[in-house]
Structure formats: structure tokens, C-alpha cells
Amino acid sequence: MENDKFDVLAFRFAKLQDLFGEKIFRNLLDLMGYNTQKPFIEILAELEREGLLDINKWVALRNARNTISHEYPYQEEKLIEAINFIIKNSDYLIDVTNKLKRLFDEIISKRS
């Protein structure tokens, strides 16, 4: 039963990271007039300059995502550390999500 909960957490967290990285970040910066045809790390740097996220924390979360997405035998401790890191930073993810939503709403209302 516990493994099922961890699997759900890992799956949903990975999907969230992918959604942010593949769609939301670039779309938001595009709406703001930024050139988004650049490497992902530069996209993160732009978002950090806008005060939307902390690049080091986001990269750490991305690394945790990679750890939980690729289970290797005899690395249970690393997996547990990654899961604990994700749980510990769930408020940060909510904060980033809320900042992005507010900015999207602001941009959309200005265009209406």
C-alpha cells in the first residue's frame, strides 16, 4: 500500500515537472515577450529574474524528479532522500504555481 502512494507521488510530481518545463514556463515567457528559443537553463534564469522561482531549488527538484523516475537497485536511500526532498518542498511548488497563475491572469486581463 505504501509503495502505491509513493508511486503516485512520483508519477504526479514527474508529470508536474514535465508540464512546467515543456509548456508553462516557455508559454508564459513567450506571452511576456521573451525569446524562448533557448536552452532550458536560460528559461529558468529568466523566470528567476522575474522573481517567479529560485533556479537552484528548481534544478534540485528536477534532480529529485530524475532520481524517483529511474529506480536503480540498491539505491533505496537515494530514492527516500529524493521523496523526502519533494515532500519538504511541496509548499515551494505551490508558491511557484500560484505566482505563475497570478502572472498569467494579469497578462490575460491586460489583453482583454
PDB file of N, CA and C in Angstrom:
ATOM      1  N   MET A   1       0.820  -1.203   0.000  1.00  0.00           N
ATOM      2  CA  MET A   1       0.000   0.000   0.000  1.00  0.00           C
ATOM      3  C   MET A   1       0.862   1.264   0.000  1.00  0.00           C
ATOM      4  N   GLU A   2       1.887   1.305   0.855  1.00  0.00           N
ATOM      5  CA  GLU A   2       2.763   2.476   0.909  1.00  0.00           C
ATOM      6  C   GLU A   2       3.479   2.689  -0.424  1.00  0.00           C
ATOM      7  N   ASN A   3       3.911   1.584  -1.048  1.00  0.00           N
ATOM      8  CA  ASN A   3       4.585   1.713  -2.343  1.00  0.00           C
ATOM      9  C   ASN A   3       3.677   2.344  -3.381  1.00  0.00           C
ATOM     10  N   ASP A   4       2.392   2.022  -3.332  1.00  0.00           N
ATOM     11  CA  ASP A   4       1.435   2.623  -4.260  1.00  0.00           C
ATOM     12  C   ASP A   4       1.381   4.131  -4.082  1.00  0.00           C
ATOM     13  N   LYS A   5       1.395   4.586  -2.844  1.00  0.00           N
ATOM     14  CA  LYS A   5       1.360   6.028  -2.574  1.00  0.00           C
ATOM     15  C   LYS A   5       2.618   6.711  -3.097  1.00  0.00           C
ATOM     16  N   PHE A   6       3.759   6.078  -2.914  1.00  0.00           N
ATOM     17  CA  PHE A   6       4.998   6.653  -3.416  1.00  0.00           C
ATOM     18  C   PHE A   6       5.016   6.662  -4.942  1.00  0.00           C
ATOM     19  N   ASP A   7       4.475   5.614  -5.541  1.00  0.00           N
ATOM     20  CA  ASP A   7       4.400   5.574  -6.999  1.00  0.00           C
ATOM     21  C   ASP A   7       3.518   6.694  -7.541  1.00  0.00           C
ATOM     22  N   VAL A   8       2.397   6.933  -6.886  1.00  0.00           N
ATOM     23  CA  VAL A   8       1.501   8.014  -7.299  1.00  0.00           C
ATOM     24  C   VAL A   8       2.197   9.356  -7.133  1.00  0.00           C
ATOM     25  N   LEU A   9       2.863   9.555  -5.996  1.00  0.00           N
ATOM     26  CA  LEU A   9       3.608  10.802  -5.770  1.00  0.00           C
ATOM     27  C   LEU A   9       4.650  10.996  -6.860  1.00  0.00           C
ATOM     28  N   ALA A  10       5.431   9.966  -7.136  1.00  0.00           N
ATOM     29  CA  ALA A  10       6.483  10.063  -8.141  1.00  0.00           C
ATOM     30  C   ALA A  10       5.903  10.379  -9.514  1.00  0.00           C
ATOM     31  N   PHE A  11       4.833   9.687  -9.881  1.00  0.00           N
ATOM     32  CA  PHE A  11       4.218   9.894 -11.195  1.00  0.00           C
ATOM     33  C   PHE A  11       3.674  11.313 -11.335  1.00  0.00           C
ATOM     34  N   ARG A  12       2.929  11.747 -10.337  1.00  0.00           N
ATOM     35  CA  ARG A  12       2.321  13.085 -10.420  1.00  0.00           C
ATOM     36  C   ARG A  12       3.367  14.192 -10.354  1.00  0.00           C
ATOM     37  N   PHE A  13       4.374  14.003  -9.538  1.00  0.00           N
ATOM     38  CA  PHE A  13       5.432  15.003  -9.467  1.00  0.00           C
ATOM     39  C   PHE A  13       6.174  15.082 -10.794  1.00  0.00           C
ATOM     40  N   ALA A  14       6.473  13.944 -11.384  1.00  0.00           N
ATOM     41  CA  ALA A  14       7.158  13.935 -12.684  1.00  0.00           C
ATOM     42  C   ALA A  14       6.309  14.618 -13.752  1.00  0.00           C
ATOM     43  N   LYS A  15       5.004  14.343 -13.748  1.00  0.00           N
ATOM     44  CA  LYS A  15       4.107  14.988 -14.711  1.00  0.00           C
ATOM     45  C   LYS A  15       4.070  16.505 -14.506  1.00  0.00           C
ATOM     46  N   LEU A  16       4.047  16.933 -13.244  1.00  0.00           N
ATOM     47  CA  LEU A  16       4.042  18.361 -12.937  1.00  0.00           C
ATOM     48  C   LEU A  16       5.318  19.020 -13.454  1.00  0.00           C
ATOM     49  N   GLN A  17       6.455  18.406 -13.168  1.00  0.00           N
ATOM     50  CA  GLN A  17       7.731  18.945 -13.642  1.00  0.00           C
ATOM     51  C   GLN A  17       7.755  19.035 -15.168  1.00  0.00           C
ATOM     52  N   ASP A  18       7.271  17.996 -15.825  1.00  0.00           N
ATOM     53  CA  ASP A  18       7.244  17.997 -17.289  1.00  0.00           C
ATOM     54  C   ASP A  18       6.322  19.088 -17.824  1.00  0.00           C
ATOM     55  N   LEU A  19       5.162  19.239 -17.226  1.00  0.00           N
ATOM     56  CA  LEU A  19       4.216  20.264 -17.658  1.00  0.00           C
ATOM     57  C   LEU A  19       4.820  21.653 -17.527  1.00  0.00           C
ATOM     58  N   PHE A  20       5.423  21.929 -16.380  1.00  0.00           N
ATOM     59  CA  PHE A  20       6.075  23.229 -16.201  1.00  0.00           C
ATOM     60  C   PHE A  20       7.178  23.424 -17.239  1.00  0.00           C
ATOM     61  N   GLY A  21       8.052  22.441 -17.352  1.00  0.00           N
ATOM     62  CA  GLY A  21       9.216  22.574 -18.216  1.00  0.00           C
ATOM     63  C   GLY A  21       8.908  22.604 -19.700  1.00  0.00           C
ATOM     64  N   GLU A  22       7.952  21.808 -20.124  1.00  0.00           N
ATOM     65  CA  GLU A  22       7.675  21.707 -21.555  1.00  0.00           C
ATOM     66  C   GLU A  22       6.656  22.714 -22.055  1.00  0.00           C
ATOM     67  N   LYS A  23       5.792  23.188 -21.201  1.00  0.00           N
ATOM     68  CA  LYS A  23       4.700  24.057 -21.665  1.00  0.00           C
ATOM     69  C   LYS A  23       4.634  25.393 -20.936  1.00  0.00           C
ATOM     70  N   ILE A  24       4.407  25.347 -19.655  1.00  0.00           N
ATOM     71  CA  ILE A  24       4.037  26.558 -18.922  1.00  0.00           C
ATOM     72  C   ILE A  24       5.141  27.604 -18.915  1.00  0.00           C
ATOM     73  N   PHE A  25       6.361  27.228 -18.581  1.00  0.00           N
ATOM     74  CA  PHE A  25       7.442  28.216 -18.491  1.00  0.00           C
ATOM     75  C   PHE A  25       7.652  28.940 -19.812  1.00  0.00           C
ATOM     76  N   ARG A  26       7.790  28.198 -20.881  1.00  0.00           N
ATOM     77  CA  ARG A  26       8.039  28.821 -22.193  1.00  0.00           C
ATOM     78  C   ARG A  26       6.836  29.655 -22.649  1.00  0.00           C
ATOM     79  N   ASN A  27       5.623  29.142 -22.458  1.00  0.00           N
ATOM     80  CA  ASN A  27       4.432  29.889 -22.865  1.00  0.00           C
ATOM     81  C   ASN A  27       4.311  31.203 -22.115  1.00  0.00           C
ATOM     82  N   LEU A  28       4.574  31.173 -20.822  1.00  0.00           N
ATOM     83  CA  LEU A  28       4.496  32.395 -20.030  1.00  0.00           C
ATOM     84  C   LEU A  28       5.526  33.419 -20.509  1.00  0.00           C
ATOM     85  N   LEU A  29       6.757  32.980 -20.678  1.00  0.00           N
ATOM     86  CA  LEU A  29       7.795  33.908 -21.142  1.00  0.00           C
ATOM     87  C   LEU A  29       7.497  34.414 -22.543  1.00  0.00           C
ATOM     88  N   ASP A  30       6.932  33.570 -23.371  1.00  0.00           N
ATOM     89  CA  ASP A  30       6.537  33.988 -24.713  1.00  0.00           C
ATOM     90  C   ASP A  30       5.484  35.093 -24.634  1.00  0.00           C
ATOM     91  N   LEU A  31       4.490  34.915 -23.772  1.00  0.00           N
ATOM     92  CA  LEU A  31       3.461  35.947 -23.582  1.00  0.00           C
ATOM     93  C   LEU A  31       4.057  37.260 -23.069  1.00  0.00           C
ATOM     94  N   MET A  32       5.156  37.146 -22.326  1.00  0.00           N
ATOM     95  CA  MET A  32       5.803  38.333 -21.774  1.00  0.00           C
ATOM     96  C   MET A  32       6.759  38.984 -22.774  1.00  0.00           C
ATOM     97  N   GLY A  33       6.911  38.369 -23.955  1.00  0.00           N
ATOM     98  CA  GLY A  33       7.759  38.958 -24.986  1.00  0.00           C
ATOM     99  C   GLY A  33       9.193  38.461 -24.996  1.00  0.00           C
ATOM    100  N   TYR A  34       9.496  37.453 -24.222  1.00  0.00           N
ATOM    101  CA  TYR A  34      10.849  36.894 -24.195  1.00  0.00           C
ATOM    102  C   TYR A  34      11.067  35.965 -25.382  1.00  0.00           C
ATOM    103  N   ASN A  35      12.320  35.867 -25.793  1.00  0.00           N
ATOM    104  CA  ASN A  35      12.716  34.852 -26.763  1.00  0.00           C
ATOM    105  C   ASN A  35      12.792  33.529 -26.001  1.00  0.00           C
ATOM    106  N   THR A  36      12.023  32.539 -26.424  1.00  0.00           N
ATOM    107  CA  THR A  36      12.001  31.265 -25.715  1.00  0.00           C
ATOM    108  C   THR A  36      12.725  30.161 -26.476  1.00  0.00           C
ATOM    109  N   GLN A  37      13.392  30.526 -27.560  1.00  0.00           N
ATOM    110  CA  GLN A  37      14.168  29.549 -28.326  1.00  0.00           C
ATOM    111  C   GLN A  37      15.583  29.499 -27.770  1.00  0.00           C
ATOM    112  N   LYS A  38      15.682  29.010 -26.543  1.00  0.00           N
ATOM    113  CA  LYS A  38      16.977  28.934 -25.873  1.00  0.00           C
ATOM    114  C   LYS A  38      16.965  27.721 -24.963  1.00  0.00           C
ATOM    115  N   PRO A  39      18.125  27.328 -24.469  1.00  0.00           N
ATOM    116  CA  PRO A  39      18.185  26.174 -23.574  1.00  0.00           C
ATOM    117  C   PRO A  39      17.342  26.371 -22.309  1.00  0.00           C
ATOM    118  N   PHE A  40      16.896  25.259 -21.748  1.00  0.00           N
ATOM    119  CA  PHE A  40      16.008  25.287 -20.601  1.00  0.00           C
ATOM    120  C   PHE A  40      16.619  26.033 -19.415  1.00  0.00           C
ATOM    121  N   ILE A  41      17.901  25.895 -19.197  1.00  0.00           N
ATOM    122  CA  ILE A  41      18.537  26.571 -18.061  1.00  0.00           C
ATOM    123  C   ILE A  41      18.427  28.088 -18.209  1.00  0.00           C
ATOM    124  N   GLU A  42      18.435  28.587 -19.434  1.00  0.00           N
ATOM    125  CA  GLU A  42      18.269  30.024 -19.674  1.00  0.00           C
ATOM    126  C   GLU A  42      16.814  30.443 -19.452  1.00  0.00           C
ATOM    127  N   ILE A  43      15.889  29.557 -19.745  1.00  0.00           N
ATOM    128  CA  ILE A  43      14.475  29.815 -19.441  1.00  0.00           C
ATOM    129  C   ILE A  43      14.314  29.967 -17.928  1.00  0.00           C
ATOM    130  N   LEU A  44      14.935  29.051 -17.190  1.00  0.00           N
ATOM    131  CA  LEU A  44      14.877  29.135 -15.729  1.00  0.00           C
ATOM    132  C   LEU A  44      15.503  30.436 -15.220  1.00  0.00           C
ATOM    133  N   ALA A  45      16.599  30.846 -15.833  1.00  0.00           N
ATOM    134  CA  ALA A  45      17.260  32.093 -15.421  1.00  0.00           C
ATOM    135  C   ALA A  45      16.335  33.292 -15.638  1.00  0.00           C
ATOM    136  N   GLU A  46      15.613  33.314 -16.748  1.00  0.00           N
ATOM    137  CA  GLU A  46      14.654  34.402 -16.998  1.00  0.00           C
ATOM    138  C   GLU A  46      13.549  34.402 -15.943  1.00  0.00           C
ATOM    139  N   LEU A  47      13.046  33.210 -15.614  1.00  0.00           N
ATOM    140  CA  LEU A  47      12.000  33.106 -14.600  1.00  0.00           C
ATOM    141  C   LEU A  47      12.507  33.553 -13.229  1.00  0.00           C
ATOM    142  N   GLU A  48      13.755  33.258 -12.945  1.00  0.00           N
ATOM    143  CA  GLU A  48      14.329  33.707 -11.671  1.00  0.00           C
ATOM    144  C   GLU A  48      14.452  35.231 -11.655  1.00  0.00           C
ATOM    145  N   ARG A  49      14.891  35.813 -12.766  1.00  0.00           N
ATOM    146  CA  ARG A  49      14.993  37.285 -12.838  1.00  0.00           C
ATOM    147  C   ARG A  49      13.627  37.946 -12.649  1.00  0.00           C
ATOM    148  N   GLU A  50      12.581  37.257 -13.078  1.00  0.00           N
ATOM    149  CA  GLU A  50      11.215  37.775 -12.913  1.00  0.00           C
ATOM    150  C   GLU A  50      10.668  37.520 -11.499  1.00  0.00           C
ATOM    151  N   GLY A  51      11.455  36.835 -10.666  1.00  0.00           N
ATOM    152  CA  GLY A  51      11.036  36.571  -9.295  1.00  0.00           C
ATOM    153  C   GLY A  51      10.030  35.437  -9.153  1.00  0.00           C
ATOM    154  N   LEU A  52       9.971  34.568 -10.158  1.00  0.00           N
ATOM    155  CA  LEU A  52       8.978  33.501 -10.150  1.00  0.00           C
ATOM    156  C   LEU A  52       9.479  32.204  -9.529  1.00  0.00           C
ATOM    157  N   LEU A  53      10.788  32.001  -9.533  1.00  0.00           N
ATOM    158  CA  LEU A  53      11.343  30.795  -8.930  1.00  0.00           C
ATOM    159  C   LEU A  53      12.800  31.010  -8.587  1.00  0.00           C
ATOM    160  N   ASP A  54      13.326  30.085  -7.829  1.00  0.00           N
ATOM    161  CA  ASP A  54      14.750  30.056  -7.487  1.00  0.00           C
ATOM    162  C   ASP A  54      15.376  28.951  -8.333  1.00  0.00           C
ATOM    163  N   ILE A  55      16.306  29.325  -9.187  1.00  0.00           N
ATOM    164  CA  ILE A  55      16.850  28.370 -10.148  1.00  0.00           C
ATOM    165  C   ILE A  55      17.513  27.177  -9.460  1.00  0.00           C
ATOM    166  N   ASN A  56      18.244  27.431  -8.376  1.00  0.00           N
ATOM    167  CA  ASN A  56      18.922  26.331  -7.691  1.00  0.00           C
ATOM    168  C   ASN A  56      17.921  25.338  -7.090  1.00  0.00           C
ATOM    169  N   LYS A  57      16.858  25.870  -6.512  1.00  0.00           N
ATOM    170  CA  LYS A  57      15.845  24.995  -5.930  1.00  0.00           C
ATOM    171  C   LYS A  57      15.127  24.225  -7.033  1.00  0.00           C
ATOM    172  N   TRP A  58      14.838  24.897  -8.158  1.00  0.00           N
ATOM    173  CA  TRP A  58      14.144  24.211  -9.241  1.00  0.00           C
ATOM    174  C   TRP A  58      15.011  23.099  -9.822  1.00  0.00           C
ATOM    175  N   VAL A  59      16.295  23.355  -9.988  1.00  0.00           N
ATOM    176  CA  VAL A  59      17.203  22.326 -10.502  1.00  0.00           C
ATOM    177  C   VAL A  59      17.284  21.162  -9.509  1.00  0.00           C
ATOM    178  N   ALA A  60      17.310  21.462  -8.219  1.00  0.00           N
ATOM    179  CA  ALA A  60      17.328  20.400  -7.204  1.00  0.00           C
ATOM    180  C   ALA A  60      16.050  19.561  -7.286  1.00  0.00           C
ATOM    181  N   LEU A  61      14.912  20.214  -7.493  1.00  0.00           N
ATOM    182  CA  LEU A  61      13.656  19.477  -7.650  1.00  0.00           C
ATOM    183  C   LEU A  61      13.678  18.638  -8.926  1.00  0.00           C
ATOM    184  N   ARG A  62      14.267  19.167  -9.964  1.00  0.00           N
ATOM    185  CA  ARG A  62      14.378  18.422 -11.221  1.00  0.00           C
ATOM    186  C   ARG A  62      15.262  17.189 -11.029  1.00  0.00           C
ATOM    187  N   ASN A  63      16.332  17.356 -10.270  1.00  0.00           N
ATOM    188  CA  ASN A  63      17.204  16.214  -9.977  1.00  0.00           C
ATOM    189  C   ASN A  63      16.466  15.164  -9.145  1.00  0.00           C
ATOM    190  N   ALA A  64      15.649  15.620  -8.195  1.00  0.00           N
ATOM    191  CA  ALA A  64      14.840  14.691  -7.396  1.00  0.00           C
ATOM    192  C   ALA A  64      13.868  13.954  -8.301  1.00  0.00           C
ATOM    193  N   ARG A  65      13.295  14.658  -9.252  1.00  0.00           N
ATOM    194  CA  ARG A  65      12.383  14.031 -10.218  1.00  0.00           C
ATOM    195  C   ARG A  65      13.101  12.934 -10.984  1.00  0.00           C
ATOM    196  N   ASN A  66      14.297  13.219 -11.436  1.00  0.00           N
ATOM    197  CA  ASN A  66      15.059  12.220 -12.182  1.00  0.00           C
ATOM    198  C   ASN A  66      15.397  11.013 -11.309  1.00  0.00           C
ATOM    199  N   THR A  67      15.695  11.254 -10.059  1.00  0.00           N
ATOM    200  CA  THR A  67      16.013  10.166  -9.135  1.00  0.00           C
ATOM    201  C   THR A  67      14.819   9.240  -8.937  1.00  0.00           C
ATOM    202  N   ILE A  68      13.643   9.816  -8.741  1.00  0.00           N
ATOM    203  CA  ILE A  68      12.473   8.967  -8.493  1.00  0.00           C
ATOM    204  C   ILE A  68      11.934   8.338  -9.777  1.00  0.00           C
ATOM    205  N   SER A  69      12.287   8.896 -10.917  1.00  0.00           N
ATOM    206  CA  SER A  69      11.804   8.351 -12.188  1.00  0.00           C
ATOM    207  C   SER A  69      12.626   7.158 -12.662  1.00  0.00           C
ATOM    208  N   HIS A  70      13.840   7.051 -12.174  1.00  0.00           N
ATOM    209  CA  HIS A  70      14.738   5.986 -12.606  1.00  0.00           C
ATOM    210  C   HIS A  70      15.214   5.213 -11.385  1.00  0.00           C
ATOM    211  N   GLU A  71      14.449   4.211 -11.013  1.00  0.00           N
ATOM    212  CA  GLU A  71      14.801   3.417  -9.846  1.00  0.00           C
ATOM    213  C   GLU A  71      15.907   2.434 -10.200  1.00  0.00           C
ATOM    214  N   TYR A  72      16.946   2.455  -9.391  1.00  0.00           N
ATOM    215  CA  TYR A  72      18.045   1.522  -9.573  1.00  0.00           C
ATOM    216  C   TYR A  72      18.154   0.641  -8.332  1.00  0.00           C
ATOM    217  N   PRO A  73      18.499  -0.613  -8.530  1.00  0.00           N
ATOM    218  CA  PRO A  73      18.642  -1.494  -7.367  1.00  0.00           C
ATOM    219  C   PRO A  73      19.721  -0.966  -6.412  1.00  0.00           C
ATOM    220  N   TYR A  74      19.519  -1.196  -5.160  1.00  0.00           N
ATOM    221  CA  TYR A  74      20.481  -0.834  -4.113  1.00  0.00           C
ATOM    222  C   TYR A  74      20.648   0.673  -3.937  1.00  0.00           C
ATOM    223  N   GLN A  75      19.695   1.455  -4.402  1.00  0.00           N
ATOM    224  CA  GLN A  75      19.763   2.893  -4.205  1.00  0.00           C
ATOM    225  C   GLN A  75      18.520   3.400  -3.485  1.00  0.00           C
ATOM    226  N   GLU A  76      17.995   2.583  -2.596  1.00  0.00           N
ATOM    227  CA  GLU A  76      16.776   2.941  -1.882  1.00  0.00           C
ATOM    228  C   GLU A  76      16.960   4.215  -1.061  1.00  0.00           C
ATOM    229  N   GLU A  77      18.135   4.374  -0.456  1.00  0.00           N
ATOM    230  CA  GLU A  77      18.369   5.554   0.375  1.00  0.00           C
ATOM    231  C   GLU A  77      18.305   6.842  -0.458  1.00  0.00           C
ATOM    232  N   LYS A  78      18.858   6.780  -1.646  1.00  0.00           N
ATOM    233  CA  LYS A  78      18.807   7.936  -2.548  1.00  0.00           C
ATOM    234  C   LYS A  78      17.362   8.244  -2.948  1.00  0.00           C
ATOM    235  N   LEU A  79      16.590   7.207  -3.197  1.00  0.00           N
ATOM    236  CA  LEU A  79      15.186   7.363  -3.539  1.00  0.00           C
ATOM    237  C   LEU A  79      14.407   7.973  -2.375  1.00  0.00           C
ATOM    238  N   ILE A  80      14.649   7.503  -1.178  1.00  0.00           N
ATOM    239  CA  ILE A  80      13.978   8.036   0.010  1.00  0.00           C
ATOM    240  C   ILE A  80      14.343   9.500   0.222  1.00  0.00           C
ATOM    241  N   GLU A  81      15.608   9.842   0.038  1.00  0.00           N
ATOM    242  CA  GLU A  81      16.035  11.246   0.156  1.00  0.00           C
ATOM    243  C   GLU A  81      15.312  12.126  -0.852  1.00  0.00           C
ATOM    244  N   ALA A  82      15.180  11.643  -2.080  1.00  0.00           N
ATOM    245  CA  ALA A  82      14.505  12.423  -3.125  1.00  0.00           C
ATOM    246  C   ALA A  82      13.033  12.622  -2.787  1.00  0.00           C
ATOM    247  N   ILE A  83      12.377  11.580  -2.326  1.00  0.00           N
ATOM    248  CA  ILE A  83      10.962  11.690  -1.963  1.00  0.00           C
ATOM    249  C   ILE A  83      10.783  12.661  -0.799  1.00  0.00           C
ATOM    250  N   ASN A  84      11.631  12.557   0.194  1.00  0.00           N
ATOM    251  CA  ASN A  84      11.557  13.485   1.333  1.00  0.00           C
ATOM    252  C   ASN A  84      11.807  14.923   0.892  1.00  0.00           C
ATOM    253  N   PHE A  85      12.732  15.112  -0.045  1.00  0.00           N
ATOM    254  CA  PHE A  85      13.015  16.456  -0.556  1.00  0.00           C
ATOM    255  C   PHE A  85      11.795  17.029  -1.272  1.00  0.00           C
ATOM    256  N   ILE A  86      11.138  16.203  -2.063  1.00  0.00           N
ATOM    257  CA  ILE A  86       9.944  16.657  -2.774  1.00  0.00           C
ATOM    258  C   ILE A  86       8.844  17.037  -1.795  1.00  0.00           C
ATOM    259  N   ILE A  87       8.619  16.185  -0.817  1.00  0.00           N
ATOM    260  CA  ILE A  87       7.582  16.467   0.181  1.00  0.00           C
ATOM    261  C   ILE A  87       7.918  17.741   0.946  1.00  0.00           C
ATOM    262  N   LYS A  88       9.170  17.880   1.337  1.00  0.00           N
ATOM    263  CA  LYS A  88       9.611  19.066   2.084  1.00  0.00           C
ATOM    264  C   LYS A  88       9.404  20.348   1.274  1.00  0.00           C
ATOM    265  N   ASN A  89       9.507  20.250  -0.035  1.00  0.00           N
ATOM    266  CA  ASN A  89       9.401  21.433  -0.897  1.00  0.00           C
ATOM    267  C   ASN A  89       8.050  21.574  -1.581  1.00  0.00           C
ATOM    268  N   SER A  90       7.065  20.844  -1.116  1.00  0.00           N
ATOM    269  CA  SER A  90       5.736  20.936  -1.739  1.00  0.00           C
ATOM    270  C   SER A  90       5.146  22.342  -1.603  1.00  0.00           C
ATOM    271  N   ASP A  91       5.385  23.010  -0.475  1.00  0.00           N
ATOM    272  CA  ASP A  91       4.899  24.393  -0.331  1.00  0.00           C
ATOM    273  C   ASP A  91       5.560  25.320  -1.354  1.00  0.00           C
ATOM    274  N   TYR A  92       6.826  25.078  -1.638  1.00  0.00           N
ATOM    275  CA  TYR A  92       7.527  25.875  -2.649  1.00  0.00           C
ATOM    276  C   TYR A  92       6.875  25.677  -4.016  1.00  0.00           C
ATOM    277  N   LEU A  93       6.543  24.436  -4.364  1.00  0.00           N
ATOM    278  CA  LEU A  93       5.889  24.159  -5.644  1.00  0.00           C
ATOM    279  C   LEU A  93       4.537  24.859  -5.730  1.00  0.00           C
ATOM    280  N   ILE A  94       3.809  24.855  -4.643  1.00  0.00           N
ATOM    281  CA  ILE A  94       2.514  25.549  -4.602  1.00  0.00           C
ATOM    282  C   ILE A  94       2.724  27.045  -4.781  1.00  0.00           C
ATOM    283  N   ASP A  95       3.740  27.592  -4.126  1.00  0.00           N
ATOM    284  CA  ASP A  95       4.042  29.021  -4.241  1.00  0.00           C
ATOM    285  C   ASP A  95       4.387  29.398  -5.690  1.00  0.00           C
ATOM    286  N   VAL A  96       5.234  28.608  -6.329  1.00  0.00           N
ATOM    287  CA  VAL A  96       5.595  28.879  -7.729  1.00  0.00           C
ATOM    288  C   VAL A  96       4.353  28.796  -8.613  1.00  0.00           C
ATOM    289  N   THR A  97       3.535  27.785  -8.388  1.00  0.00           N
ATOM    290  CA  THR A  97       2.308  27.625  -9.171  1.00  0.00           C
ATOM    291  C   THR A  97       1.399  28.846  -9.011  1.00  0.00           C
ATOM    292  N   ASN A  98       1.239  29.316  -7.786  1.00  0.00           N
ATOM    293  CA  ASN A  98       0.393  30.487  -7.541  1.00  0.00           C
ATOM    294  C   ASN A  98       0.962  31.743  -8.197  1.00  0.00           C
ATOM    295  N   LYS A  99       2.267  31.927  -8.146  1.00  0.00           N
ATOM    296  CA  LYS A  99       2.892  33.083  -8.806  1.00  0.00           C
ATOM    297  C   LYS A  99       2.654  33.035 -10.313  1.00  0.00           C
ATOM    298  N   LEU A 100       2.831  31.859 -10.892  1.00  0.00           N
ATOM    299  CA  LEU A 100       2.625  31.718 -12.330  1.00  0.00           C
ATOM    300  C   LEU A 100       1.172  31.993 -12.706  1.00  0.00           C
ATOM    301  N   LYS A 101       0.251  31.479 -11.916  1.00  0.00           N
ATOM    302  CA  LYS A 101      -1.176  31.699 -12.192  1.00  0.00           C
ATOM    303  C   LYS A 101      -1.526  33.180 -12.108  1.00  0.00           C
ATOM    304  N   ARG A 102      -1.032  33.850 -11.069  1.00  0.00           N
ATOM    305  CA  ARG A 102      -1.308  35.295 -10.935  1.00  0.00           C
ATOM    306  C   ARG A 102      -0.771  36.066 -12.138  1.00  0.00           C
ATOM    307  N   LEU A 103       0.433  35.729 -12.571  1.00  0.00           N
ATOM    308  CA  LEU A 103       1.017  36.427 -13.710  1.00  0.00           C
ATOM    309  C   LEU A 103       0.255  36.127 -14.996  1.00  0.00           C
ATOM    310  N   PHE A 104      -0.123  34.872 -15.226  1.00  0.00           N
ATOM    311  CA  PHE A 104      -0.949  34.537 -16.389  1.00  0.00           C
ATOM    312  C   PHE A 104      -2.247  35.324 -16.355  1.00  0.00           C
ATOM    313  N   ASP A 105      -2.917  35.333 -15.209  1.00  0.00           N
ATOM    314  CA  ASP A 105      -4.186  36.066 -15.083  1.00  0.00           C
ATOM    315  C   ASP A 105      -3.995  37.556 -15.372  1.00  0.00           C
ATOM    316  N   GLU A 106      -2.908  38.111 -14.879  1.00  0.00           N
ATOM    317  CA  GLU A 106      -2.608  39.536 -15.100  1.00  0.00           C
ATOM    318  C   GLU A 106      -2.408  39.815 -16.590  1.00  0.00           C
ATOM    319  N   ILE A 107      -1.668  38.957 -17.254  1.00  0.00           N
ATOM    320  CA  ILE A 107      -1.401  39.137 -18.686  1.00  0.00           C
ATOM    321  C   ILE A 107      -2.709  39.005 -19.482  1.00  0.00           C
ATOM    322  N   ILE A 108      -3.494  38.014 -19.161  1.00  0.00           N
ATOM    323  CA  ILE A 108      -4.760  37.792 -19.866  1.00  0.00           C
ATOM    324  C   ILE A 108      -5.714  38.963 -19.647  1.00  0.00           C
ATOM    325  N   SER A 109      -5.792  39.483 -18.423  1.00  0.00           N
ATOM    326  CA  SER A 109      -6.710  40.601 -18.158  1.00  0.00           C
ATOM    327  C   SER A 109      -6.271  41.862 -18.883  1.00  0.00           C
ATOM    328  N   LYS A 110      -4.983  42.076 -19.057  1.00  0.00           N
ATOM    329  CA  LYS A 110      -4.491  43.245 -19.800  1.00  0.00           C
ATOM    330  C   LYS A 110      -4.813  43.132 -21.280  1.00  0.00           C
ATOM    331  N   ARG A 111      -4.910  41.931 -21.782  1.00  0.00           N
ATOM    332  CA  ARG A 111      -5.185  41.725 -23.208  1.00  0.00           C
ATOM    333  C   ARG A 111      -6.677  41.787 -23.521  1.00  0.00           C
ATOM    334  N   SER A 112      -7.495  41.716 -22.490  1.00  0.00           N
ATOM    335  CA  SER A 112      -8.969  41.712 -22.709  1.00  0.00           C
ATOM    336  C   SER A 112      -9.514  43.098 -22.870  1.00  0.00           C
TER     337      SER A 112
END
